Each structure stands twice: as C-alpha cells, then as structure tokens.
C-alpha cells in the first residue's frame, strides 16, 4: 500500500499558505465529495491531517475538457 492509500496516516506535506492547488478543509471525507460536487470540480486527493476541527483537506481540479 502506498502512502496516499493509507487514510489514517497523517500527511505533513500540506502547507495551506504555499500550496497553489484548489483546496478546501472538511470535517469528513464525505464532505470532500459534496464540496467537489458543489464546486463543479473533480476531487483528486484527500489528505488526513488529523488536526481538528477540520482534519481533511480536499484537493480539487477542473474536469478535463
């Protein structure tokens, strides 16, 4: 299993100030899917930071044309 497939392993690679990707914080993984749908974007990655109150970082990108 790779690092990205391990949902309970914290990922310290995310820096909200310097990360240029389109992202949002969420309380649950399911909330990431709802955010993607509301934004009209594709969910490409979920990062579990394990830092309350919003431990999940949802990474989005535009759908390919």
C-alpha atoms as a PDB file:
ATOM      1  CA  UNK A   1       0.000   0.000   0.000  1.00  0.00           C
ATOM      2  CA  UNK A   2       1.323   3.442  -0.886  1.00  0.00           C
ATOM      3  CA  UNK A   3       1.237   6.473   1.384  1.00  0.00           C
ATOM      4  CA  UNK A   4      -1.710   8.017  -0.460  1.00  0.00           C
ATOM      5  CA  UNK A   5      -3.822   4.882   0.082  1.00  0.00           C
ATOM      6  CA  UNK A   6      -3.389   4.863   3.865  1.00  0.00           C
ATOM      7  CA  UNK A   7      -6.243   7.027   5.155  1.00  0.00           C
ATOM      8  CA  UNK A   8      -5.165   7.040   8.819  1.00  0.00           C
ATOM      9  CA  UNK A   9      -1.569   8.118   8.251  1.00  0.00           C
ATOM     10  CA  UNK A  10      -1.144  11.856   8.851  1.00  0.00           C
ATOM     11  CA  UNK A  11       0.342  13.787   5.976  1.00  0.00           C
ATOM     12  CA  UNK A  12       2.522  16.728   6.976  1.00  0.00           C
ATOM     13  CA  UNK A  13       3.274  17.664   3.355  1.00  0.00           C
ATOM     14  CA  UNK A  14       0.322  20.044   3.154  1.00  0.00           C
ATOM     15  CA  UNK A  15       1.038  23.725   3.750  1.00  0.00           C
ATOM     16  CA  UNK A  16      -2.130  25.823   3.377  1.00  0.00           C
ATOM     17  CA  UNK A  17      -0.171  29.027   2.773  1.00  0.00           C
ATOM     18  CA  UNK A  18       2.120  27.874  -0.007  1.00  0.00           C
ATOM     19  CA  UNK A  19       0.004  25.159  -1.698  1.00  0.00           C
ATOM     20  CA  UNK A  20      -1.100  26.511  -5.091  1.00  0.00           C
ATOM     21  CA  UNK A  21      -3.787  23.863  -5.681  1.00  0.00           C
ATOM     22  CA  UNK A  22      -7.522  24.458  -5.304  1.00  0.00           C
ATOM     23  CA  UNK A  23      -8.330  23.021  -1.855  1.00  0.00           C
ATOM     24  CA  UNK A  24     -10.839  23.193   0.976  1.00  0.00           C
ATOM     25  CA  UNK A  25     -10.921  21.852   4.525  1.00  0.00           C
ATOM     26  CA  UNK A  26     -13.681  19.466   5.591  1.00  0.00           C
ATOM     27  CA  UNK A  27     -14.860  17.670   8.702  1.00  0.00           C
ATOM     28  CA  UNK A  28     -15.349  14.283   6.968  1.00  0.00           C
ATOM     29  CA  UNK A  29     -14.199  12.547   3.804  1.00  0.00           C
ATOM     30  CA  UNK A  30     -17.791  12.505   2.552  1.00  0.00           C
ATOM     31  CA  UNK A  31     -17.865  16.277   2.876  1.00  0.00           C
ATOM     32  CA  UNK A  32     -14.989  16.423   0.364  1.00  0.00           C
ATOM     33  CA  UNK A  33     -17.188  14.717  -2.240  1.00  0.00           C
ATOM     34  CA  UNK A  34     -20.033  17.136  -1.516  1.00  0.00           C
ATOM     35  CA  UNK A  35     -17.678  20.116  -1.822  1.00  0.00           C
ATOM     36  CA  UNK A  36     -16.367  18.838  -5.162  1.00  0.00           C
ATOM     37  CA  UNK A  37     -19.886  18.452  -6.470  1.00  0.00           C
ATOM     38  CA  UNK A  38     -20.919  21.930  -5.313  1.00  0.00           C
ATOM     39  CA  UNK A  39     -17.799  23.464  -6.887  1.00  0.00           C
ATOM     40  CA  UNK A  40     -18.278  21.530 -10.141  1.00  0.00           C
ATOM     41  CA  UNK A  41     -14.753  20.167  -9.852  1.00  0.00           C
ATOM     42  CA  UNK A  42     -13.063  16.782  -9.703  1.00  0.00           C
ATOM     43  CA  UNK A  43     -11.817  15.556  -6.319  1.00  0.00           C
ATOM     44  CA  UNK A  44      -8.260  14.332  -6.864  1.00  0.00           C
ATOM     45  CA  UNK A  45      -6.925  13.809  -3.344  1.00  0.00           C
ATOM     46  CA  UNK A  46      -7.994  13.750   0.302  1.00  0.00           C
ATOM     47  CA  UNK A  47      -5.313  14.467   2.913  1.00  0.00           C
ATOM     48  CA  UNK A  48      -5.987  13.441   6.511  1.00  0.00           C
ATOM     49  CA  UNK A  49      -4.090  15.903   8.682  1.00  0.00           C
ATOM     50  CA  UNK A  50      -5.663  14.603  11.920  1.00  0.00           C
ATOM     51  CA  UNK A  51      -5.869  18.214  13.125  1.00  0.00           C
ATOM     52  CA  UNK A  52      -9.332  19.130  14.457  1.00  0.00           C
ATOM     53  CA  UNK A  53     -11.790  20.671  13.814  1.00  0.00           C
ATOM     54  CA  UNK A  54     -11.421  20.164  10.032  1.00  0.00           C
ATOM     55  CA  UNK A  55      -8.949  17.287   9.658  1.00  0.00           C
ATOM     56  CA  UNK A  56      -9.486  16.555   5.967  1.00  0.00           C
ATOM     57  CA  UNK A  57      -8.008  18.627   3.145  1.00  0.00           C
ATOM     58  CA  UNK A  58      -9.778  18.127  -0.179  1.00  0.00           C
ATOM     59  CA  UNK A  59      -7.757  18.802  -3.320  1.00  0.00           C
ATOM     60  CA  UNK A  60      -9.705  19.701  -6.479  1.00  0.00           C
ATOM     61  CA  UNK A  61      -9.022  20.307 -10.134  1.00  0.00           C
ATOM     62  CA  UNK A  62     -11.112  21.183 -13.151  1.00  0.00           C
ATOM     63  CA  UNK A  63     -12.571  18.336 -15.184  1.00  0.00           C
ATOM     64  CA  UNK A  64     -10.594  17.618 -18.366  1.00  0.00           C
ATOM     65  CA  UNK A  65     -12.170  19.146 -21.453  1.00  0.00           C
END
